[in-house]
N, C-alpha and C. Protein backbone atom coordinates (compact mmCIF):
# COMPACT_ATOMS: atom_id res chain seq x y z
N UNK A 1 82.26 125.75 92.49
CA UNK A 1 81.81 126.32 93.74
C UNK A 1 80.88 125.37 94.49
N UNK A 2 80.04 124.68 93.77
CA UNK A 2 79.08 123.78 94.39
C UNK A 2 79.81 122.68 95.17
N UNK A 3 80.90 122.14 94.62
CA UNK A 3 81.68 121.10 95.29
C UNK A 3 82.29 121.63 96.59
N UNK A 4 82.82 122.85 96.57
CA UNK A 4 83.42 123.43 97.76
C UNK A 4 82.38 123.65 98.85
N UNK A 5 81.18 124.10 98.46
CA UNK A 5 80.12 124.31 99.43
C UNK A 5 79.68 122.99 100.05
N UNK A 6 79.62 121.93 99.25
CA UNK A 6 79.22 120.62 99.75
C UNK A 6 80.26 120.10 100.74
N UNK A 7 81.53 120.32 100.46
CA UNK A 7 82.58 119.84 101.34
C UNK A 7 82.62 120.59 102.66
N UNK A 8 82.09 121.80 102.73
CA UNK A 8 82.14 122.61 103.95
C UNK A 8 81.00 122.30 104.91
N UNK A 9 80.01 121.50 104.49
CA UNK A 9 78.88 121.20 105.35
C UNK A 9 79.30 120.29 106.49
N UNK A 10 78.62 120.46 107.63
CA UNK A 10 78.85 119.56 108.76
C UNK A 10 78.34 118.18 108.38
N UNK A 11 79.01 117.14 108.87
CA UNK A 11 78.53 115.78 108.57
C UNK A 11 77.18 115.52 109.23
N UNK A 12 76.36 114.75 108.57
CA UNK A 12 75.05 114.40 109.12
C UNK A 12 75.19 113.29 110.14
N UNK A 13 74.12 113.05 110.89
CA UNK A 13 74.14 112.05 111.95
C UNK A 13 74.51 110.67 111.41
N UNK A 14 73.91 110.30 110.29
CA UNK A 14 74.19 108.99 109.70
C UNK A 14 75.65 108.83 109.29
N UNK A 15 76.23 109.87 108.71
CA UNK A 15 77.62 109.76 108.30
C UNK A 15 78.56 109.76 109.51
N UNK A 16 78.16 110.41 110.59
CA UNK A 16 78.96 110.36 111.82
C UNK A 16 78.96 108.94 112.37
N UNK A 17 77.78 108.32 112.42
CA UNK A 17 77.68 106.94 112.92
C UNK A 17 78.50 106.01 112.05
N UNK A 18 78.38 106.13 110.73
CA UNK A 18 79.16 105.27 109.83
C UNK A 18 80.65 105.49 110.00
N UNK A 19 81.07 106.71 110.19
CA UNK A 19 82.49 107.01 110.40
C UNK A 19 83.00 106.39 111.69
N UNK A 20 82.20 106.47 112.75
CA UNK A 20 82.60 105.89 114.03
C UNK A 20 82.69 104.38 113.92
N UNK A 21 81.71 103.76 113.29
CA UNK A 21 81.74 102.30 113.12
C UNK A 21 82.91 101.86 112.26
N UNK A 22 83.15 102.58 111.16
CA UNK A 22 84.27 102.23 110.28
C UNK A 22 85.60 102.40 111.00
N UNK A 23 85.74 103.45 111.77
CA UNK A 23 86.98 103.67 112.51
C UNK A 23 87.15 102.61 113.60
N UNK A 24 86.05 102.18 114.21
CA UNK A 24 86.13 101.20 115.29
C UNK A 24 86.65 99.85 114.79
N UNK A 25 86.29 99.48 113.57
CA UNK A 25 86.76 98.20 113.05
C UNK A 25 87.96 98.35 112.13
N UNK A 26 88.43 99.59 111.95
CA UNK A 26 89.67 99.82 111.23
C UNK A 26 89.58 99.88 109.73
N UNK A 27 88.44 100.23 109.19
CA UNK A 27 88.29 100.29 107.73
C UNK A 27 87.93 101.69 107.23
N UNK A 28 88.19 102.70 108.02
CA UNK A 28 87.88 104.08 107.63
C UNK A 28 88.80 104.49 106.48
N UNK A 29 88.22 104.98 105.40
CA UNK A 29 89.03 105.42 104.26
C UNK A 29 89.67 106.77 104.56
N UNK A 30 90.79 107.03 103.89
CA UNK A 30 91.48 108.31 104.08
C UNK A 30 90.60 109.48 103.67
N UNK A 31 89.84 109.28 102.59
CA UNK A 31 88.96 110.36 102.11
C UNK A 31 87.92 110.72 103.17
N UNK A 32 87.28 109.73 103.77
CA UNK A 32 86.27 109.99 104.80
C UNK A 32 86.90 110.55 106.07
N UNK A 33 88.07 110.05 106.43
CA UNK A 33 88.75 110.55 107.63
C UNK A 33 89.11 112.03 107.46
N UNK A 34 89.63 112.38 106.30
CA UNK A 34 89.98 113.78 106.03
C UNK A 34 88.74 114.66 106.02
N UNK A 35 87.64 114.15 105.45
CA UNK A 35 86.38 114.90 105.45
C UNK A 35 85.91 115.14 106.88
N UNK A 36 85.99 114.12 107.73
CA UNK A 36 85.55 114.25 109.11
C UNK A 36 86.40 115.26 109.87
N UNK A 37 87.72 115.21 109.68
CA UNK A 37 88.59 116.14 110.39
C UNK A 37 88.41 117.56 109.88
N UNK A 38 88.11 117.72 108.60
CA UNK A 38 87.97 119.06 108.04
C UNK A 38 86.63 119.70 108.41
N UNK A 39 85.57 118.90 108.46
CA UNK A 39 84.23 119.48 108.62
C UNK A 39 83.55 119.17 109.95
N UNK A 40 83.93 118.11 110.59
CA UNK A 40 83.24 117.69 111.81
C UNK A 40 83.88 118.24 113.06
N UNK A 41 83.12 118.24 114.12
CA UNK A 41 83.60 118.67 115.42
C UNK A 41 84.27 117.47 116.11
N UNK A 42 85.47 117.64 116.63
CA UNK A 42 86.13 116.53 117.31
C UNK A 42 85.31 116.01 118.50
N UNK A 43 84.63 116.91 119.19
CA UNK A 43 83.84 116.52 120.34
C UNK A 43 82.73 115.53 119.95
N UNK A 44 82.14 115.73 118.79
CA UNK A 44 81.09 114.83 118.31
C UNK A 44 81.63 113.42 118.15
N UNK A 45 82.80 113.30 117.54
CA UNK A 45 83.38 111.99 117.30
C UNK A 45 83.91 111.35 118.59
N UNK A 46 84.40 112.16 119.52
CA UNK A 46 84.87 111.63 120.80
C UNK A 46 83.70 111.07 121.60
N UNK A 47 82.62 111.83 121.69
CA UNK A 47 81.43 111.37 122.41
C UNK A 47 80.85 110.13 121.73
N UNK A 48 80.77 110.16 120.40
CA UNK A 48 80.28 108.99 119.66
C UNK A 48 81.14 107.76 119.90
N UNK A 49 82.45 107.95 119.96
CA UNK A 49 83.35 106.83 120.24
C UNK A 49 83.14 106.25 121.62
N UNK A 50 82.95 107.12 122.62
CA UNK A 50 82.67 106.64 123.98
C UNK A 50 81.34 105.89 124.04
N UNK A 51 80.33 106.43 123.41
CA UNK A 51 79.01 105.76 123.41
C UNK A 51 79.12 104.40 122.73
N UNK A 52 79.80 104.35 121.57
CA UNK A 52 79.97 103.08 120.87
C UNK A 52 80.71 102.07 121.74
N UNK A 53 81.77 102.51 122.41
CA UNK A 53 82.57 101.62 123.25
C UNK A 53 81.74 101.06 124.40
N UNK A 54 80.95 101.92 125.05
CA UNK A 54 80.11 101.47 126.15
C UNK A 54 79.06 100.47 125.66
N UNK A 55 78.41 100.78 124.54
CA UNK A 55 77.41 99.86 123.98
C UNK A 55 78.05 98.53 123.58
N UNK A 56 79.24 98.57 123.03
CA UNK A 56 79.94 97.34 122.63
C UNK A 56 80.26 96.48 123.86
N UNK A 57 80.77 97.10 124.91
CA UNK A 57 81.11 96.36 126.13
C UNK A 57 79.86 95.75 126.77
N UNK A 58 78.78 96.53 126.83
CA UNK A 58 77.53 96.02 127.41
C UNK A 58 76.99 94.86 126.57
N UNK A 59 77.05 94.98 125.26
CA UNK A 59 76.57 93.91 124.38
C UNK A 59 77.38 92.63 124.57
N UNK A 60 78.70 92.75 124.61
CA UNK A 60 79.55 91.58 124.81
C UNK A 60 79.26 90.95 126.18
N UNK A 61 79.12 91.76 127.22
CA UNK A 61 78.83 91.25 128.55
C UNK A 61 77.49 90.51 128.58
N UNK A 62 76.48 91.06 127.92
CA UNK A 62 75.17 90.40 127.87
C UNK A 62 75.23 89.07 127.12
N UNK A 63 75.94 89.04 126.01
CA UNK A 63 76.06 87.81 125.22
C UNK A 63 76.79 86.76 126.03
N UNK A 64 77.89 87.12 126.67
CA UNK A 64 78.65 86.16 127.48
C UNK A 64 77.80 85.67 128.64
N UNK A 65 77.08 86.57 129.31
CA UNK A 65 76.21 86.17 130.40
C UNK A 65 75.13 85.20 129.93
N UNK A 66 74.55 85.47 128.78
CA UNK A 66 73.52 84.58 128.22
C UNK A 66 74.10 83.22 127.89
N UNK A 67 75.25 83.18 127.26
CA UNK A 67 75.87 81.91 126.88
C UNK A 67 76.24 81.10 128.13
N UNK A 68 76.79 81.76 129.13
CA UNK A 68 77.18 81.05 130.34
C UNK A 68 75.96 80.54 131.11
N UNK A 69 74.87 81.30 131.09
CA UNK A 69 73.66 80.84 131.79
C UNK A 69 73.05 79.63 131.07
N UNK A 70 73.16 79.60 129.76
CA UNK A 70 72.64 78.45 128.99
C UNK A 70 73.54 77.23 129.17
N UNK A 71 74.84 77.42 129.40
CA UNK A 71 75.77 76.32 129.57
C UNK A 71 75.55 75.64 130.92
N UNK A 72 75.11 76.39 131.92
CA UNK A 72 74.89 75.82 133.26
C UNK A 72 73.53 75.16 133.38
N UNK A 73 72.65 75.37 132.44
CA UNK A 73 71.30 74.82 132.53
C UNK A 73 71.23 73.38 132.12
């Protein structure tokens, strides 16, 4: 019974972040993916994916801008 109760809990913030990062780079395990689909809210993962994507794009743009500004100096 204890195992079933543990599996029914909503994922914590840290495990949601780890799941989003693992899925973003393509290394999400089947066990974790099934756990997320069974216990997590799809909206949480969709919003997290959008936030991660925006942060990734902004980070890449800043790095490229920095490198190009140093190349012209």
